[in-house]
Amino acid sequence: MSHDHGPDDVSASDCADFLERIVYFIDNELDEADCSAVRLHLDSCNPCLEKYDLQRTVKSVVARSCSEAAPSELRERVLVRIREVQLRISKG
């Protein structure tokens, strides 16, 4: 795997550490010093930057999907099916 690092190359274990912190970085759960360190690393490591972009995109899609309501027909079908299963369990 090729990294576009500057003169201060970081090891694969350093990348692994930054990749663990990316989730917290995206959620704004790091202190300013850690945020700066993650930003610096992302600026110099294309593979980590790509993983960061992917994580951010996935998080955005999931958040958007969770805010949408299912169509009423689908909700009704699901409720009917749940009731059928509940009846079978209670009779069972």
PDB file of N, CA and C in Angstrom:
ATOM      1  N   MET A   1       0.851  -1.174   0.000  1.00  0.00           N
ATOM      2  CA  MET A   1       0.000   0.000   0.000  1.00  0.00           C
ATOM      3  C   MET A   1       0.893   1.231   0.000  1.00  0.00           C
ATOM      4  N   SER A   2       0.658   2.136  -0.879  1.00  0.00           N
ATOM      5  CA  SER A   2       1.475   3.331  -1.012  1.00  0.00           C
ATOM      6  C   SER A   2       0.832   4.499  -0.284  1.00  0.00           C
ATOM      7  N   HIS A   3       1.611   5.159   0.552  1.00  0.00           N
ATOM      8  CA  HIS A   3       1.136   6.344   1.260  1.00  0.00           C
ATOM      9  C   HIS A   3       1.878   7.547   0.708  1.00  0.00           C
ATOM     10  N   ASP A   4       1.173   8.646   0.589  1.00  0.00           N
ATOM     11  CA  ASP A   4       1.819   9.882   0.153  1.00  0.00           C
ATOM     12  C   ASP A   4       2.182  10.702   1.375  1.00  0.00           C
ATOM     13  N   HIS A   5       3.133  10.210   2.150  1.00  0.00           N
ATOM     14  CA  HIS A   5       3.554  10.908   3.359  1.00  0.00           C
ATOM     15  C   HIS A   5       4.709  11.834   3.048  1.00  0.00           C
ATOM     16  N   GLY A   6       4.879  12.767   3.906  1.00  0.00           N
ATOM     17  CA  GLY A   6       6.009  13.672   3.788  1.00  0.00           C
ATOM     18  C   GLY A   6       7.241  13.014   4.369  1.00  0.00           C
ATOM     19  N   PRO A   7       8.206  13.817   4.756  1.00  0.00           N
ATOM     20  CA  PRO A   7       9.457  13.274   5.281  1.00  0.00           C
ATOM     21  C   PRO A   7       9.265  12.521   6.590  1.00  0.00           C
ATOM     22  N   ASP A   8       8.225  12.815   7.328  1.00  0.00           N
ATOM     23  CA  ASP A   8       7.973  12.149   8.607  1.00  0.00           C
ATOM     24  C   ASP A   8       7.012  10.981   8.403  1.00  0.00           C
ATOM     25  N   ASP A   9       7.453   9.971   7.622  1.00  0.00           N
ATOM     26  CA  ASP A   9       6.582   8.824   7.333  1.00  0.00           C
ATOM     27  C   ASP A   9       6.042   8.230   8.628  1.00  0.00           C
ATOM     28  N   VAL A  10       4.786   7.809   8.563  1.00  0.00           N
ATOM     29  CA  VAL A  10       4.174   7.153   9.701  1.00  0.00           C
ATOM     30  C   VAL A  10       4.009   5.685   9.370  1.00  0.00           C
ATOM     31  N   SER A  11       3.952   4.876  10.404  1.00  0.00           N
ATOM     32  CA  SER A  11       3.845   3.435  10.194  1.00  0.00           C
ATOM     33  C   SER A  11       2.394   3.029   9.985  1.00  0.00           C
ATOM     34  N   ALA A  12       2.210   1.766   9.589  1.00  0.00           N
ATOM     35  CA  ALA A  12       0.859   1.222   9.412  1.00  0.00           C
ATOM     36  C   ALA A  12       0.098   1.259  10.723  1.00  0.00           C
ATOM     37  N   SER A  13       0.809   1.059  11.843  1.00  0.00           N
ATOM     38  CA  SER A  13       0.112   1.099  13.137  1.00  0.00           C
ATOM     39  C   SER A  13      -0.355   2.523  13.452  1.00  0.00           C
ATOM     40  N   ASP A  14       0.394   3.527  13.006  1.00  0.00           N
ATOM     41  CA  ASP A  14      -0.059   4.913  13.174  1.00  0.00           C
ATOM     42  C   ASP A  14      -1.334   5.138  12.375  1.00  0.00           C
ATOM     43  N   CYS A  15      -1.360   4.629  11.139  1.00  0.00           N
ATOM     44  CA  CYS A  15      -2.568   4.759  10.316  1.00  0.00           C
ATOM     45  C   CYS A  15      -3.737   4.074  11.003  1.00  0.00           C
ATOM     46  N   ALA A  16      -3.514   2.900  11.551  1.00  0.00           N
ATOM     47  CA  ALA A  16      -4.585   2.171  12.245  1.00  0.00           C
ATOM     48  C   ALA A  16      -5.120   3.008  13.392  1.00  0.00           C
ATOM     49  N   ASP A  17      -4.241   3.673  14.115  1.00  0.00           N
ATOM     50  CA  ASP A  17      -4.664   4.534  15.224  1.00  0.00           C
ATOM     51  C   ASP A  17      -5.513   5.687  14.710  1.00  0.00           C
ATOM     52  N   PHE A  18      -5.078   6.310  13.617  1.00  0.00           N
ATOM     53  CA  PHE A  18      -5.850   7.421  13.055  1.00  0.00           C
ATOM     54  C   PHE A  18      -7.197   6.939  12.523  1.00  0.00           C
ATOM     55  N   LEU A  19      -7.216   5.765  11.911  1.00  0.00           N
ATOM     56  CA  LEU A  19      -8.478   5.234  11.380  1.00  0.00           C
ATOM     57  C   LEU A  19      -9.479   4.971  12.506  1.00  0.00           C
ATOM     58  N   GLU A  20      -8.991   4.554  13.672  1.00  0.00           N
ATOM     59  CA  GLU A  20      -9.883   4.371  14.821  1.00  0.00           C
ATOM     60  C   GLU A  20     -10.450   5.714  15.272  1.00  0.00           C
ATOM     61  N   ARG A  21      -9.641   6.755  15.192  1.00  0.00           N
ATOM     62  CA  ARG A  21     -10.084   8.072  15.659  1.00  0.00           C
ATOM     63  C   ARG A  21     -10.969   8.806  14.658  1.00  0.00           C
ATOM     64  N   ILE A  22     -10.999   8.335  13.405  1.00  0.00           N
ATOM     65  CA  ILE A  22     -11.795   9.022  12.377  1.00  0.00           C
ATOM     66  C   ILE A  22     -13.266   9.100  12.755  1.00  0.00           C
ATOM     67  N   VAL A  23     -13.810   8.022  13.314  1.00  0.00           N
ATOM     68  CA  VAL A  23     -15.227   8.019  13.692  1.00  0.00           C
ATOM     69  C   VAL A  23     -15.493   9.121  14.714  1.00  0.00           C
ATOM     70  N   TYR A  24     -14.615   9.240  15.693  1.00  0.00           N
ATOM     71  CA  TYR A  24     -14.777  10.288  16.712  1.00  0.00           C
ATOM     72  C   TYR A  24     -14.566  11.670  16.112  1.00  0.00           C
ATOM     73  N   PHE A  25     -13.651  11.747  15.156  1.00  0.00           N
ATOM     74  CA  PHE A  25     -13.386  13.012  14.463  1.00  0.00           C
ATOM     75  C   PHE A  25     -14.626  13.470  13.702  1.00  0.00           C
ATOM     76  N   ILE A  26     -15.249  12.542  12.967  1.00  0.00           N
ATOM     77  CA  ILE A  26     -16.447  12.863  12.195  1.00  0.00           C
ATOM     78  C   ILE A  26     -17.568  13.334  13.116  1.00  0.00           C
ATOM     79  N   ASP A  27     -17.673  12.716  14.298  1.00  0.00           N
ATOM     80  CA  ASP A  27     -18.735  13.057  15.250  1.00  0.00           C
ATOM     81  C   ASP A  27     -18.367  14.238  16.156  1.00  0.00           C
ATOM     82  N   ASN A  28     -17.240  14.885  15.884  1.00  0.00           N
ATOM     83  CA  ASN A  28     -16.771  16.025  16.698  1.00  0.00           C
ATOM     84  C   ASN A  28     -16.627  15.645  18.168  1.00  0.00           C
ATOM     85  N   GLU A  29     -16.057  14.459  18.417  1.00  0.00           N
ATOM     86  CA  GLU A  29     -15.899  13.992  19.789  1.00  0.00           C
ATOM     87  C   GLU A  29     -14.438  13.969  20.238  1.00  0.00           C
ATOM     88  N   LEU A  30     -13.583  14.662  19.511  1.00  0.00           N
ATOM     89  CA  LEU A  30     -12.172  14.739  19.888  1.00  0.00           C
ATOM     90  C   LEU A  30     -11.852  16.147  20.367  1.00  0.00           C
ATOM     91  N   ASP A  31     -10.851  16.251  21.250  1.00  0.00           N
ATOM     92  CA  ASP A  31     -10.431  17.588  21.652  1.00  0.00           C
ATOM     93  C   ASP A  31      -9.648  18.218  20.499  1.00  0.00           C
ATOM     94  N   GLU A  32      -9.389  19.492  20.610  1.00  0.00           N
ATOM     95  CA  GLU A  32      -8.785  20.240  19.501  1.00  0.00           C
ATOM     96  C   GLU A  32      -7.414  19.689  19.110  1.00  0.00           C
ATOM     97  N   ALA A  33      -6.629  19.248  20.090  1.00  0.00           N
ATOM     98  CA  ALA A  33      -5.296  18.711  19.781  1.00  0.00           C
ATOM     99  C   ALA A  33      -5.409  17.446  18.937  1.00  0.00           C
ATOM    100  N   ASP A  34      -6.332  16.559  19.315  1.00  0.00           N
ATOM    101  CA  ASP A  34      -6.519  15.338  18.540  1.00  0.00           C
ATOM    102  C   ASP A  34      -7.082  15.644  17.158  1.00  0.00           C
ATOM    103  N   CYS A  35      -8.004  16.601  17.077  1.00  0.00           N
ATOM    104  CA  CYS A  35      -8.552  16.998  15.776  1.00  0.00           C
ATOM    105  C   CYS A  35      -7.441  17.499  14.862  1.00  0.00           C
ATOM    106  N   SER A  36      -6.554  18.303  15.402  1.00  0.00           N
ATOM    107  CA  SER A  36      -5.437  18.827  14.611  1.00  0.00           C
ATOM    108  C   SER A  36      -4.543  17.695  14.126  1.00  0.00           C
ATOM    109  N   ALA A  37      -4.269  16.733  15.007  1.00  0.00           N
ATOM    110  CA  ALA A  37      -3.416  15.602  14.621  1.00  0.00           C
ATOM    111  C   ALA A  37      -4.074  14.781  13.516  1.00  0.00           C
ATOM    112  N   VAL A  38      -5.384  14.550  13.635  1.00  0.00           N
ATOM    113  CA  VAL A  38      -6.091  13.783  12.609  1.00  0.00           C
ATOM    114  C   VAL A  38      -6.082  14.555  11.292  1.00  0.00           C
ATOM    115  N   ARG A  39      -6.353  15.866  11.343  1.00  0.00           N
ATOM    116  CA  ARG A  39      -6.339  16.675  10.112  1.00  0.00           C
ATOM    117  C   ARG A  39      -4.972  16.619   9.439  1.00  0.00           C
ATOM    118  N   LEU A  40      -3.918  16.758  10.222  1.00  0.00           N
ATOM    119  CA  LEU A  40      -2.558  16.704   9.668  1.00  0.00           C
ATOM    120  C   LEU A  40      -2.299  15.360   8.994  1.00  0.00           C
ATOM    121  N   HIS A  41      -2.716  14.296   9.659  1.00  0.00           N
ATOM    122  CA  HIS A  41      -2.507  12.967   9.078  1.00  0.00           C
ATOM    123  C   HIS A  41      -3.300  12.815   7.783  1.00  0.00           C
ATOM    124  N   LEU A  42      -4.556  13.239   7.791  1.00  0.00           N
ATOM    125  CA  LEU A  42      -5.391  13.114   6.593  1.00  0.00           C
ATOM    126  C   LEU A  42      -4.837  13.932   5.439  1.00  0.00           C
ATOM    127  N   ASP A  43      -4.219  15.065   5.747  1.00  0.00           N
ATOM    128  CA  ASP A  43      -3.619  15.908   4.710  1.00  0.00           C
ATOM    129  C   ASP A  43      -2.426  15.231   4.033  1.00  0.00           C
ATOM    130  N   SER A  44      -1.799  14.266   4.722  1.00  0.00           N
ATOM    131  CA  SER A  44      -0.588  13.662   4.169  1.00  0.00           C
ATOM    132  C   SER A  44      -0.726  12.179   3.838  1.00  0.00           C
ATOM    133  N   CYS A  45      -1.921  11.605   4.054  1.00  0.00           N
ATOM    134  CA  CYS A  45      -2.087  10.166   3.833  1.00  0.00           C
ATOM    135  C   CYS A  45      -3.349   9.916   3.005  1.00  0.00           C
ATOM    136  N   ASN A  46      -3.165   9.740   1.699  1.00  0.00           N
ATOM    137  CA  ASN A  46      -4.318   9.545   0.821  1.00  0.00           C
ATOM    138  C   ASN A  46      -5.169   8.319   1.162  1.00  0.00           C
ATOM    139  N   PRO A  47      -4.582   7.158   1.506  1.00  0.00           N
ATOM    140  CA  PRO A  47      -5.430   6.015   1.859  1.00  0.00           C
ATOM    141  C   PRO A  47      -6.334   6.309   3.065  1.00  0.00           C
ATOM    142  N   CYS A  48      -5.805   6.973   4.064  1.00  0.00           N
ATOM    143  CA  CYS A  48      -6.623   7.317   5.231  1.00  0.00           C
ATOM    144  C   CYS A  48      -7.676   8.363   4.862  1.00  0.00           C
ATOM    145  N   LEU A  49      -7.303   9.307   4.002  1.00  0.00           N
ATOM    146  CA  LEU A  49      -8.255  10.323   3.556  1.00  0.00           C
ATOM    147  C   LEU A  49      -9.418   9.669   2.809  1.00  0.00           C
ATOM    148  N   GLU A  50      -9.104   8.681   1.972  1.00  0.00           N
ATOM    149  CA  GLU A  50     -10.158   7.968   1.252  1.00  0.00           C
ATOM    150  C   GLU A  50     -11.086   7.235   2.216  1.00  0.00           C
ATOM    151  N   LYS A  51     -10.517   6.608   3.236  1.00  0.00           N
ATOM    152  CA  LYS A  51     -11.335   5.900   4.231  1.00  0.00           C
ATOM    153  C   LYS A  51     -12.175   6.887   5.023  1.00  0.00           C
ATOM    154  N   TYR A  52     -11.611   8.045   5.327  1.00  0.00           N
ATOM    155  CA  TYR A  52     -12.357   9.100   6.016  1.00  0.00           C
ATOM    156  C   TYR A  52     -13.548   9.545   5.172  1.00  0.00           C
ATOM    157  N   ASP A  53     -13.299   9.794   3.882  1.00  0.00           N
ATOM    158  CA  ASP A  53     -14.383  10.215   2.986  1.00  0.00           C
ATOM    159  C   ASP A  53     -15.472   9.150   2.907  1.00  0.00           C
ATOM    160  N   LEU A  54     -15.073   7.885   2.846  1.00  0.00           N
ATOM    161  CA  LEU A  54     -16.046   6.791   2.792  1.00  0.00           C
ATOM    162  C   LEU A  54     -16.871   6.746   4.085  1.00  0.00           C
ATOM    163  N   GLN A  55     -16.209   6.846   5.222  1.00  0.00           N
ATOM    164  CA  GLN A  55     -16.917   6.830   6.512  1.00  0.00           C
ATOM    165  C   GLN A  55     -17.909   7.979   6.602  1.00  0.00           C
ATOM    166  N   ARG A  56     -17.474   9.149   6.178  1.00  0.00           N
ATOM    167  CA  ARG A  56     -18.339  10.333   6.229  1.00  0.00           C
ATOM    168  C   ARG A  56     -19.551  10.158   5.311  1.00  0.00           C
ATOM    169  N   THR A  57     -19.327   9.598   4.129  1.00  0.00           N
ATOM    170  CA  THR A  57     -20.414   9.368   3.180  1.00  0.00           C
ATOM    171  C   THR A  57     -21.407   8.348   3.732  1.00  0.00           C
ATOM    172  N   VAL A  58     -20.895   7.245   4.261  1.00  0.00           N
ATOM    173  CA  VAL A  58     -21.774   6.212   4.833  1.00  0.00           C
ATOM    174  C   VAL A  58     -22.587   6.791   5.981  1.00  0.00           C
ATOM    175  N   LYS A  59     -21.948   7.537   6.848  1.00  0.00           N
ATOM    176  CA  LYS A  59     -22.649   8.135   7.989  1.00  0.00           C
ATOM    177  C   LYS A  59     -23.744   9.083   7.506  1.00  0.00           C
ATOM    178  N   SER A  60     -23.466   9.836   6.473  1.00  0.00           N
ATOM    179  CA  SER A  60     -24.442  10.769   5.921  1.00  0.00           C
ATOM    180  C   SER A  60     -25.638  10.036   5.316  1.00  0.00           C
ATOM    181  N   VAL A  61     -25.364   8.964   4.566  1.00  0.00           N
ATOM    182  CA  VAL A  61     -26.440   8.188   3.937  1.00  0.00           C
ATOM    183  C   VAL A  61     -27.309   7.524   5.002  1.00  0.00           C
ATOM    184  N   VAL A  62     -26.687   6.968   6.023  1.00  0.00           N
ATOM    185  CA  VAL A  62     -27.444   6.324   7.100  1.00  0.00           C
ATOM    186  C   VAL A  62     -28.296   7.355   7.821  1.00  0.00           C
ATOM    187  N   ALA A  63     -27.736   8.505   8.117  1.00  0.00           N
ATOM    188  CA  ALA A  63     -28.498   9.557   8.810  1.00  0.00           C
ATOM    189  C   ALA A  63     -29.685  10.000   7.969  1.00  0.00           C
ATOM    190  N   ARG A  64     -29.479  10.173   6.682  1.00  0.00           N
ATOM    191  CA  ARG A  64     -30.559  10.594   5.798  1.00  0.00           C
ATOM    192  C   ARG A  64     -31.633   9.503   5.705  1.00  0.00           C
ATOM    193  N   SER A  65     -31.207   8.252   5.617  1.00  0.00           N
ATOM    194  CA  SER A  65     -32.146   7.136   5.517  1.00  0.00           C
ATOM    195  C   SER A  65     -32.974   6.984   6.781  1.00  0.00           C
ATOM    196  N   CYS A  66     -32.370   7.254   7.905  1.00  0.00           N
ATOM    197  CA  CYS A  66     -33.084   7.097   9.176  1.00  0.00           C
ATOM    198  C   CYS A  66     -34.115   8.195   9.383  1.00  0.00           C
ATOM    199  N   SER A  67     -33.993   9.289   8.677  1.00  0.00           N
ATOM    200  CA  SER A  67     -34.942  10.385   8.866  1.00  0.00           C
ATOM    201  C   SER A  67     -36.140  10.281   7.922  1.00  0.00           C
ATOM    202  N   GLU A  68     -36.069   9.374   6.952  1.00  0.00           N
ATOM    203  CA  GLU A  68     -37.174   9.206   6.021  1.00  0.00           C
ATOM    204  C   GLU A  68     -38.196   8.228   6.594  1.00  0.00           C
ATOM    205  N   ALA A  69     -39.473   8.488   6.334  1.00  0.00           N
ATOM    206  CA  ALA A  69     -40.532   7.593   6.788  1.00  0.00           C
ATOM    207  C   ALA A  69     -40.836   6.579   5.688  1.00  0.00           C
ATOM    208  N   ALA A  70     -41.166   5.374   6.108  1.00  0.00           N
ATOM    209  CA  ALA A  70     -41.549   4.341   5.139  1.00  0.00           C
ATOM    210  C   ALA A  70     -42.899   4.710   4.535  1.00  0.00           C
ATOM    211  N   PRO A  71     -43.146   4.310   3.293  1.00  0.00           N
ATOM    212  CA  PRO A  71     -44.463   4.570   2.686  1.00  0.00           C
ATOM    213  C   PRO A  71     -45.566   3.918   3.523  1.00  0.00           C
ATOM    214  N   SER A  72     -46.733   4.552   3.544  1.00  0.00           N
ATOM    215  CA  SER A  72     -47.824   4.067   4.402  1.00  0.00           C
ATOM    216  C   SER A  72     -48.234   2.638   4.054  1.00  0.00           C
ATOM    217  N   GLU A  73     -48.239   2.273   2.767  1.00  0.00           N
ATOM    218  CA  GLU A  73     -48.587   0.902   2.376  1.00  0.00           C
ATOM    219  C   GLU A  73     -47.627  -0.109   2.989  1.00  0.00           C
ATOM    220  N   LEU A  74     -46.356   0.193   2.970  1.00  0.00           N
ATOM    221  CA  LEU A  74     -45.363  -0.697   3.547  1.00  0.00           C
ATOM    222  C   LEU A  74     -45.562  -0.799   5.057  1.00  0.00           C
ATOM    223  N   ARG A  75     -45.778   0.318   5.718  1.00  0.00           N
ATOM    224  CA  ARG A  75     -45.994   0.303   7.168  1.00  0.00           C
ATOM    225  C   ARG A  75     -47.208  -0.540   7.519  1.00  0.00           C
ATOM    226  N   GLU A  76     -48.288  -0.409   6.738  1.00  0.00           N
ATOM    227  CA  GLU A  76     -49.498  -1.201   7.000  1.00  0.00           C
ATOM    228  C   GLU A  76     -49.218  -2.693   6.829  1.00  0.00           C
ATOM    229  N   ARG A  77     -48.499  -3.068   5.772  1.00  0.00           N
ATOM    230  CA  ARG A  77     -48.177  -4.484   5.548  1.00  0.00           C
ATOM    231  C   ARG A  77     -47.326  -5.041   6.686  1.00  0.00           C
ATOM    232  N   VAL A  78     -46.363  -4.257   7.139  1.00  0.00           N
ATOM    233  CA  VAL A  78     -45.503  -4.693   8.242  1.00  0.00           C
ATOM    234  C   VAL A  78     -46.335  -4.869   9.507  1.00  0.00           C
ATOM    235  N   LEU A  79     -47.237  -3.921   9.798  1.00  0.00           N
ATOM    236  CA  LEU A  79     -48.079  -4.032  10.989  1.00  0.00           C
ATOM    237  C   LEU A  79     -48.986  -5.257  10.929  1.00  0.00           C
ATOM    238  N   VAL A  80     -49.557  -5.528   9.756  1.00  0.00           N
ATOM    239  CA  VAL A  80     -50.402  -6.713   9.593  1.00  0.00           C
ATOM    240  C   VAL A  80     -49.580  -7.971   9.868  1.00  0.00           C
ATOM    241  N   ARG A  81     -48.382  -8.012   9.322  1.00  0.00           N
ATOM    242  CA  ARG A  81     -47.516  -9.190   9.522  1.00  0.00           C
ATOM    243  C   ARG A  81     -47.136  -9.346  10.991  1.00  0.00           C
ATOM    244  N   ILE A  82     -46.849  -8.256  11.658  1.00  0.00           N
ATOM    245  CA  ILE A  82     -46.515  -8.307  13.089  1.00  0.00           C
ATOM    246  C   ILE A  82     -47.702  -8.853  13.873  1.00  0.00           C
ATOM    247  N   ARG A  83     -48.884  -8.375  13.564  1.00  0.00           N
ATOM    248  CA  ARG A  83     -50.076  -8.864  14.268  1.00  0.00           C
ATOM    249  C   ARG A  83     -50.286 -10.354  14.025  1.00  0.00           C
ATOM    250  N   GLU A  84     -50.062 -10.821  12.787  1.00  0.00           N
ATOM    251  CA  GLU A  84     -50.193 -12.245  12.485  1.00  0.00           C
ATOM    252  C   GLU A  84     -49.225 -13.070  13.329  1.00  0.00           C
ATOM    253  N   VAL A  85     -48.001 -12.610  13.418  1.00  0.00           N
ATOM    254  CA  VAL A  85     -46.988 -13.320  14.204  1.00  0.00           C
ATOM    255  C   VAL A  85     -47.359 -13.294  15.683  1.00  0.00           C
ATOM    256  N   GLN A  86     -47.834 -12.161  16.184  1.00  0.00           N
ATOM    257  CA  GLN A  86     -48.232 -12.067  17.586  1.00  0.00           C
ATOM    258  C   GLN A  86     -49.375 -13.036  17.891  1.00  0.00           C
ATOM    259  N   LEU A  87     -50.342 -13.147  16.978  1.00  0.00           N
ATOM    260  CA  LEU A  87     -51.459 -14.062  17.171  1.00  0.00           C
ATOM    261  C   LEU A  87     -50.956 -15.508  17.215  1.00  0.00           C
ATOM    262  N   ARG A  88     -50.067 -15.857  16.293  1.00  0.00           N
ATOM    263  CA  ARG A  88     -49.522 -17.209  16.275  1.00  0.00           C
ATOM    264  C   ARG A  88     -48.764 -17.534  17.560  1.00  0.00           C
ATOM    265  N   ILE A  89     -48.035 -16.555  18.064  1.00  0.00           N
ATOM    266  CA  ILE A  89     -47.276 -16.771  19.296  1.00  0.00           C
ATOM    267  C   ILE A  89     -48.229 -16.931  20.477  1.00  0.00           C
ATOM    268  N   SER A  90     -49.244 -16.091  20.538  1.00  0.00           N
ATOM    269  CA  SER A  90     -50.167 -16.164  21.688  1.00  0.00           C
ATOM    270  C   SER A  90     -51.016 -17.422  21.662  1.00  0.00           C
ATOM    271  N   LYS A  91     -51.302 -17.979  20.487  1.00  0.00           N
ATOM    272  CA  LYS A  91     -52.091 -19.214  20.375  1.00  0.00           C
ATOM    273  C   LYS A  91     -51.206 -20.457  20.535  1.00  0.00           C
ATOM    274  N   GLY A  92     -49.930 -20.264  20.269  1.00  0.00           N
ATOM    275  CA  GLY A  92     -48.985 -21.339  20.128  1.00  0.00           C
ATOM    276  C   GLY A  92     -48.664 -22.179  21.251  1.00  0.00           C
TER     277      GLY A  92
END
